[in-house]
C-alpha atoms as a PDB file:
ATOM      1  CA  MET A   1     -35.126  19.038 -36.458  1.00  0.00           C
ATOM      2  CA  GLU A   2     -31.895  20.750 -37.492  1.00  0.00           C
ATOM      3  CA  ASN A   3     -30.789  20.834 -33.853  1.00  0.00           C
ATOM      4  CA  ILE A   4     -30.469  17.049 -33.758  1.00  0.00           C
ATOM      5  CA  ALA A   5     -29.053  16.540 -37.260  1.00  0.00           C
ATOM      6  CA  TRP A   6     -25.626  15.685 -35.791  1.00  0.00           C
ATOM      7  CA  MET A   7     -27.181  12.583 -34.211  1.00  0.00           C
ATOM      8  CA  ALA A   8     -27.531  10.897 -37.615  1.00  0.00           C
ATOM      9  CA  TRP A   9     -25.982   7.500 -38.302  1.00  0.00           C
ATOM     10  CA  THR A  10     -22.515   8.396 -39.530  1.00  0.00           C
ATOM     11  CA  LEU A  11     -19.429   6.406 -40.445  1.00  0.00           C
ATOM     12  CA  PRO A  12     -17.742   7.073 -37.060  1.00  0.00           C
ATOM     13  CA  THR A  13     -20.910   5.928 -35.273  1.00  0.00           C
ATOM     14  CA  ALA A  14     -21.094   2.771 -37.368  1.00  0.00           C
ATOM     15  CA  ILE A  15     -17.426   2.013 -36.744  1.00  0.00           C
ATOM     16  CA  PHE A  16     -17.865   2.581 -33.004  1.00  0.00           C
ATOM     17  CA  PHE A  17     -20.754   0.125 -32.754  1.00  0.00           C
ATOM     18  CA  ALA A  18     -19.006  -2.429 -34.975  1.00  0.00           C
ATOM     19  CA  LEU A  19     -15.902  -2.242 -32.759  1.00  0.00           C
ATOM     20  CA  LEU A  20     -18.081  -2.504 -29.651  1.00  0.00           C
ATOM     21  CA  ALA A  21     -19.751  -5.648 -31.016  1.00  0.00           C
ATOM     22  CA  MET A  22     -16.360  -7.146 -31.895  1.00  0.00           C
ATOM     23  CA  THR A  23     -15.033  -6.283 -28.434  1.00  0.00           C
ATOM     24  CA  LEU A  24     -17.960  -8.024 -26.770  1.00  0.00           C
ATOM     25  CA  GLY A  25     -17.452 -11.046 -29.009  1.00  0.00           C
ATOM     26  CA  VAL A  26     -13.741 -11.262 -28.193  1.00  0.00           C
ATOM     27  CA  MET A  27     -14.399 -10.781 -24.488  1.00  0.00           C
ATOM     28  CA  THR A  28     -17.002 -13.553 -24.536  1.00  0.00           C
ATOM     29  CA  TRP A  29     -14.525 -15.853 -26.250  1.00  0.00           C
ATOM     30  CA  LEU A  30     -11.821 -14.894 -23.708  1.00  0.00           C
ATOM     31  CA  ALA A  31     -14.171 -15.595 -20.799  1.00  0.00           C
ATOM     32  CA  VAL A  32     -14.870 -19.087 -22.131  1.00  0.00           C
ATOM     33  CA  ALA A  33     -11.345 -19.927 -23.289  1.00  0.00           C
ATOM     34  CA  TYR A  34      -9.428 -18.319 -20.416  1.00  0.00           C
ATOM     35  CA  PRO A  35     -11.445 -18.029 -17.213  1.00  0.00           C
ATOM     36  CA  GLU A  36     -10.197 -15.100 -15.212  1.00  0.00           C
ATOM     37  CA  ALA A  37      -9.566 -14.185 -11.639  1.00  0.00           C
ATOM     38  CA  GLU A  38     -10.271 -10.714 -10.322  1.00  0.00           C
ATOM     39  CA  ARG A  39      -7.339  -8.320 -10.511  1.00  0.00           C
ATOM     40  CA  VAL A  40      -6.470  -5.377  -8.274  1.00  0.00           C
ATOM     41  CA  GLY A  41      -5.058  -2.392 -10.148  1.00  0.00           C
ATOM     42  CA  ILE A  42      -4.536   1.293  -9.430  1.00  0.00           C
ATOM     43  CA  LEU A  43      -8.122   1.716  -8.186  1.00  0.00           C
ATOM     44  CA  ARG A  44      -7.348  -0.764  -5.408  1.00  0.00           C
ATOM     45  CA  ILE A  45     -10.588  -2.645  -5.983  1.00  0.00           C
ATOM     46  CA  PRO A  46     -10.889  -6.069  -7.590  1.00  0.00           C
ATOM     47  CA  THR A  47     -12.003  -5.787 -11.236  1.00  0.00           C
ATOM     48  CA  THR A  48     -12.767  -8.230 -14.030  1.00  0.00           C
ATOM     49  CA  ARG A  49     -12.526  -7.778 -17.789  1.00  0.00           C
ATOM     50  CA  GLY A  50     -16.177  -6.749 -17.856  1.00  0.00           C
ATOM     51  CA  ASP A  51     -15.610  -4.118 -15.168  1.00  0.00           C
ATOM     52  CA  ARG A  52     -12.699  -2.674 -17.120  1.00  0.00           C
ATOM     53  CA  LEU A  53     -14.777  -2.664 -20.336  1.00  0.00           C
ATOM     54  CA  PHE A  54     -17.594  -0.806 -18.550  1.00  0.00           C
ATOM     55  CA  ILE A  55     -15.152   1.766 -17.126  1.00  0.00           C
ATOM     56  CA  SER A  56     -13.566   2.286 -20.542  1.00  0.00           C
ATOM     57  CA  LEU A  57     -16.968   2.703 -22.264  1.00  0.00           C
ATOM     58  CA  ILE A  58     -18.079   5.288 -19.706  1.00  0.00           C
ATOM     59  CA  THR A  59     -14.741   7.086 -20.132  1.00  0.00           C
ATOM     60  CA  THR A  60     -15.187   7.023 -23.918  1.00  0.00           C
ATOM     61  CA  ALA A  61     -18.649   8.561 -23.643  1.00  0.00           C
ATOM     62  CA  VAL A  62     -17.376  11.301 -21.332  1.00  0.00           C
ATOM     63  CA  ILE A  63     -14.405  12.062 -23.610  1.00  0.00           C
ATOM     64  CA  HIS A  64     -16.661  12.375 -26.658  1.00  0.00           C
ATOM     65  CA  LEU A  65     -19.246  14.528 -24.884  1.00  0.00           C
ATOM     66  CA  LEU A  66     -16.542  16.846 -23.558  1.00  0.00           C
ATOM     67  CA  TRP A  67     -14.929  16.992 -26.998  1.00  0.00           C
ATOM     68  CA  ILE A  68     -18.227  18.001 -28.601  1.00  0.00           C
ATOM     69  CA  ALA A  69     -18.837  20.591 -25.862  1.00  0.00           C
ATOM     70  CA  PHE A  70     -15.409  22.231 -26.121  1.00  0.00           C
ATOM     71  CA  PHE A  71     -14.247  21.624 -29.714  1.00  0.00           C
ATOM     72  CA  GLY A  72     -17.345  20.714 -31.706  1.00  0.00           C
ATOM     73  CA  THR A  73     -17.394  18.421 -34.709  1.00  0.00           C
ATOM     74  CA  GLU A  74     -15.907  20.683 -37.337  1.00  0.00           C
ATOM     75  CA  PRO A  75     -13.987  18.963 -40.125  1.00  0.00           C
ATOM     76  CA  ILE A  76     -10.218  18.960 -39.722  1.00  0.00           C
ATOM     77  CA  ALA A  77      -9.334  17.647 -43.182  1.00  0.00           C
ATOM     78  CA  THR A  78     -10.898  16.793 -46.515  1.00  0.00           C
ATOM     79  CA  LEU A  79      -9.836  13.680 -48.372  1.00  0.00           C
ATOM     80  CA  PRO A  80      -9.680  13.876 -52.166  1.00  0.00           C
ATOM     81  CA  ILE A  81     -12.204  11.086 -52.656  1.00  0.00           C
ATOM     82  CA  GLY A  82     -15.173  11.730 -54.896  1.00  0.00           C
ATOM     83  CA  GLU A  83     -16.440  15.167 -53.993  1.00  0.00           C
ATOM     84  CA  GLY A  84     -14.232  15.315 -50.926  1.00  0.00           C
ATOM     85  CA  VAL A  85     -14.776  13.317 -47.763  1.00  0.00           C
ATOM     86  CA  GLU A  86     -14.456  15.454 -44.668  1.00  0.00           C
ATOM     87  CA  ILE A  87     -12.811  14.039 -41.549  1.00  0.00           C
ATOM     88  CA  SER A  88     -14.485  15.192 -38.341  1.00  0.00           C
ATOM     89  CA  SER A  89     -12.487  16.308 -35.330  1.00  0.00           C
ATOM     90  CA  LEU A  90     -14.309  13.552 -33.412  1.00  0.00           C
ATOM     91  CA  TRP A  91     -11.741  11.124 -34.824  1.00  0.00           C
ATOM     92  CA  LEU A  92      -9.201  12.749 -32.511  1.00  0.00           C
ATOM     93  CA  ALA A  93     -11.513  12.114 -29.562  1.00  0.00           C
ATOM     94  CA  THR A  94     -11.820   8.513 -30.718  1.00  0.00           C
ATOM     95  CA  LEU A  95      -8.043   8.096 -30.763  1.00  0.00           C
ATOM     96  CA  ILE A  96      -7.828   9.568 -27.257  1.00  0.00           C
ATOM     97  CA  SER A  97     -10.591   7.175 -26.161  1.00  0.00           C
ATOM     98  CA  LEU A  98      -8.751   4.180 -27.593  1.00  0.00           C
ATOM     99  CA  ALA A  99      -5.581   5.190 -25.763  1.00  0.00           C
ATOM    100  CA  SER A 100      -7.517   5.594 -22.515  1.00  0.00           C
ATOM    101  CA  ALA A 101      -9.163   2.175 -22.990  1.00  0.00           C
ATOM    102  CA  VAL A 102      -5.755   0.544 -23.419  1.00  0.00           C
ATOM    103  CA  ALA A 103      -4.539   2.305 -20.261  1.00  0.00           C
ATOM    104  CA  ILE A 104      -7.628   1.203 -18.335  1.00  0.00           C
ATOM    105  CA  PHE A 105      -7.269  -2.423 -19.388  1.00  0.00           C
ATOM    106  CA  ARG A 106      -3.589  -2.412 -18.453  1.00  0.00           C
ATOM    107  CA  ALA A 107      -3.705  -0.501 -15.163  1.00  0.00           C
ATOM    108  CA  VAL A 108      -7.143  -0.838 -13.566  1.00  0.00           C
END
Protein backbone atom coordinates (compact mmCIF):
# COMPACT_ATOMS: atom_id res chain seq x y z
CA MET A 1 0.00 0.00 0.00
CA GLU A 2 2.88 2.41 0.58
CA ASN A 3 3.60 2.43 -3.16
CA ILE A 4 0.32 4.22 -3.88
CA ALA A 5 0.31 6.55 -0.86
CA TRP A 6 1.07 9.54 -3.13
CA MET A 7 -2.32 9.03 -4.79
CA ALA A 8 -4.15 10.26 -1.67
CA TRP A 9 -6.58 13.17 -1.84
CA THR A 10 -4.35 16.16 -1.24
CA LEU A 11 -4.86 19.91 -1.30
CA PRO A 12 -3.39 20.27 -4.82
CA THR A 13 -5.69 17.50 -6.06
CA ALA A 14 -8.72 19.14 -4.46
CA ILE A 15 -7.80 22.52 -5.94
CA PHE A 16 -7.31 20.96 -9.38
CA PHE A 17 -10.75 19.35 -9.38
CA ALA A 18 -12.41 22.48 -7.98
CA LEU A 19 -10.81 24.57 -10.74
CA LEU A 20 -11.84 21.98 -13.33
CA ALA A 21 -15.45 22.13 -12.13
CA MET A 22 -15.39 25.94 -12.21
CA THR A 23 -13.89 25.88 -15.70
CA LEU A 24 -16.64 23.59 -16.96
CA GLY A 25 -19.25 25.83 -15.35
CA VAL A 26 -17.82 28.97 -16.94
CA MET A 27 -17.50 27.26 -20.32
CA THR A 28 -21.11 26.11 -20.13
CA TRP A 29 -22.21 29.65 -19.34
CA LEU A 30 -20.07 31.00 -22.22
CA ALA A 31 -21.57 28.48 -24.64
CA VAL A 32 -25.09 29.61 -23.72
CA ALA A 33 -24.39 33.34 -23.47
CA TYR A 34 -21.99 33.66 -26.41
CA PRO A 35 -22.44 30.96 -29.04
CA GLU A 36 -19.17 30.37 -30.80
CA ALA A 37 -17.91 29.65 -34.25
CA GLU A 38 -15.02 27.30 -34.86
CA ARG A 39 -11.61 28.95 -34.94
CA VAL A 40 -8.48 27.96 -36.85
CA GLY A 41 -5.27 28.47 -34.89
CA ILE A 42 -1.69 27.26 -35.15
CA LEU A 43 -2.79 23.62 -35.54
CA ARG A 44 -4.57 24.61 -38.75
CA ILE A 45 -7.68 22.66 -37.80
CA PRO A 46 -10.97 24.19 -36.69
CA THR A 47 -11.36 24.01 -32.89
CA THR A 48 -14.02 25.03 -30.39
CA ARG A 49 -13.68 26.01 -26.74
CA GLY A 50 -14.32 22.40 -25.76
CA ASP A 51 -11.57 21.16 -28.09
CA ARG A 52 -9.11 23.62 -26.59
CA LEU A 53 -10.14 22.60 -23.05
CA PHE A 54 -9.59 18.93 -23.91
CA ILE A 55 -6.16 19.67 -25.42
CA SER A 56 -5.17 21.72 -22.37
CA LEU A 57 -6.32 18.99 -19.93
CA ILE A 58 -4.35 16.33 -21.79
CA THR A 59 -1.32 18.64 -21.81
CA THR A 60 -1.74 19.23 -18.07
CA ALA A 61 -1.82 15.49 -17.38
CA VAL A 62 1.30 14.92 -19.48
CA ILE A 63 3.16 17.80 -17.78
CA HIS A 64 2.34 16.46 -14.32
CA LEU A 65 3.25 12.87 -15.17
CA LEU A 66 6.57 13.98 -16.68
CA TRP A 67 7.23 16.20 -13.67
CA ILE A 68 6.66 13.30 -11.28
CA ALA A 69 8.86 11.02 -13.42
CA PHE A 70 11.79 13.44 -13.64
CA PHE A 71 11.58 15.61 -10.50
CA GLY A 72 9.34 13.76 -8.06
CA THR A 73 7.11 15.40 -5.49
CA GLU A 74 9.67 16.46 -2.92
CA PRO A 75 8.81 19.54 -0.89
CA ILE A 76 10.44 22.75 -2.06
CA ALA A 77 9.48 24.93 0.90
CA THR A 78 7.89 24.74 4.33
CA LEU A 79 5.45 27.40 5.44
CA PRO A 80 5.52 28.42 9.10
CA ILE A 81 1.90 27.45 9.69
CA GLY A 82 1.10 25.14 12.57
CA GLU A 83 3.71 22.41 12.47
CA GLY A 84 4.92 23.52 9.07
CA VAL A 85 3.03 23.05 5.83
CA GLU A 86 5.24 21.69 3.09
CA ILE A 87 4.81 22.92 -0.48
CA SER A 88 5.28 20.18 -3.06
CA SER A 89 7.28 20.73 -6.23
CA LEU A 90 4.10 19.75 -8.11
CA TRP A 91 2.94 23.35 -7.64
CA LEU A 92 5.60 24.34 -10.16
CA ALA A 93 4.17 21.82 -12.63
CA THR A 94 0.74 23.30 -11.98
CA LEU A 95 1.98 26.80 -12.79
CA ILE A 96 3.56 25.51 -16.00
CA SER A 97 0.26 23.77 -16.84
CA LEU A 98 -1.72 26.96 -16.28
CA ALA A 99 0.64 28.88 -18.56
CA SER A 100 0.32 26.20 -21.24
CA ALA A 101 -3.49 26.25 -20.94
CA VAL A 102 -3.53 30.02 -21.48
CA ALA A 103 -1.27 29.58 -24.53
CA ILE A 104 -3.50 26.82 -25.90
CA PHE A 105 -6.67 28.87 -25.50
CA ARG A 106 -5.04 31.86 -27.17
CA ALA A 107 -3.21 30.16 -30.04
CA VAL A 108 -4.92 26.87 -30.92
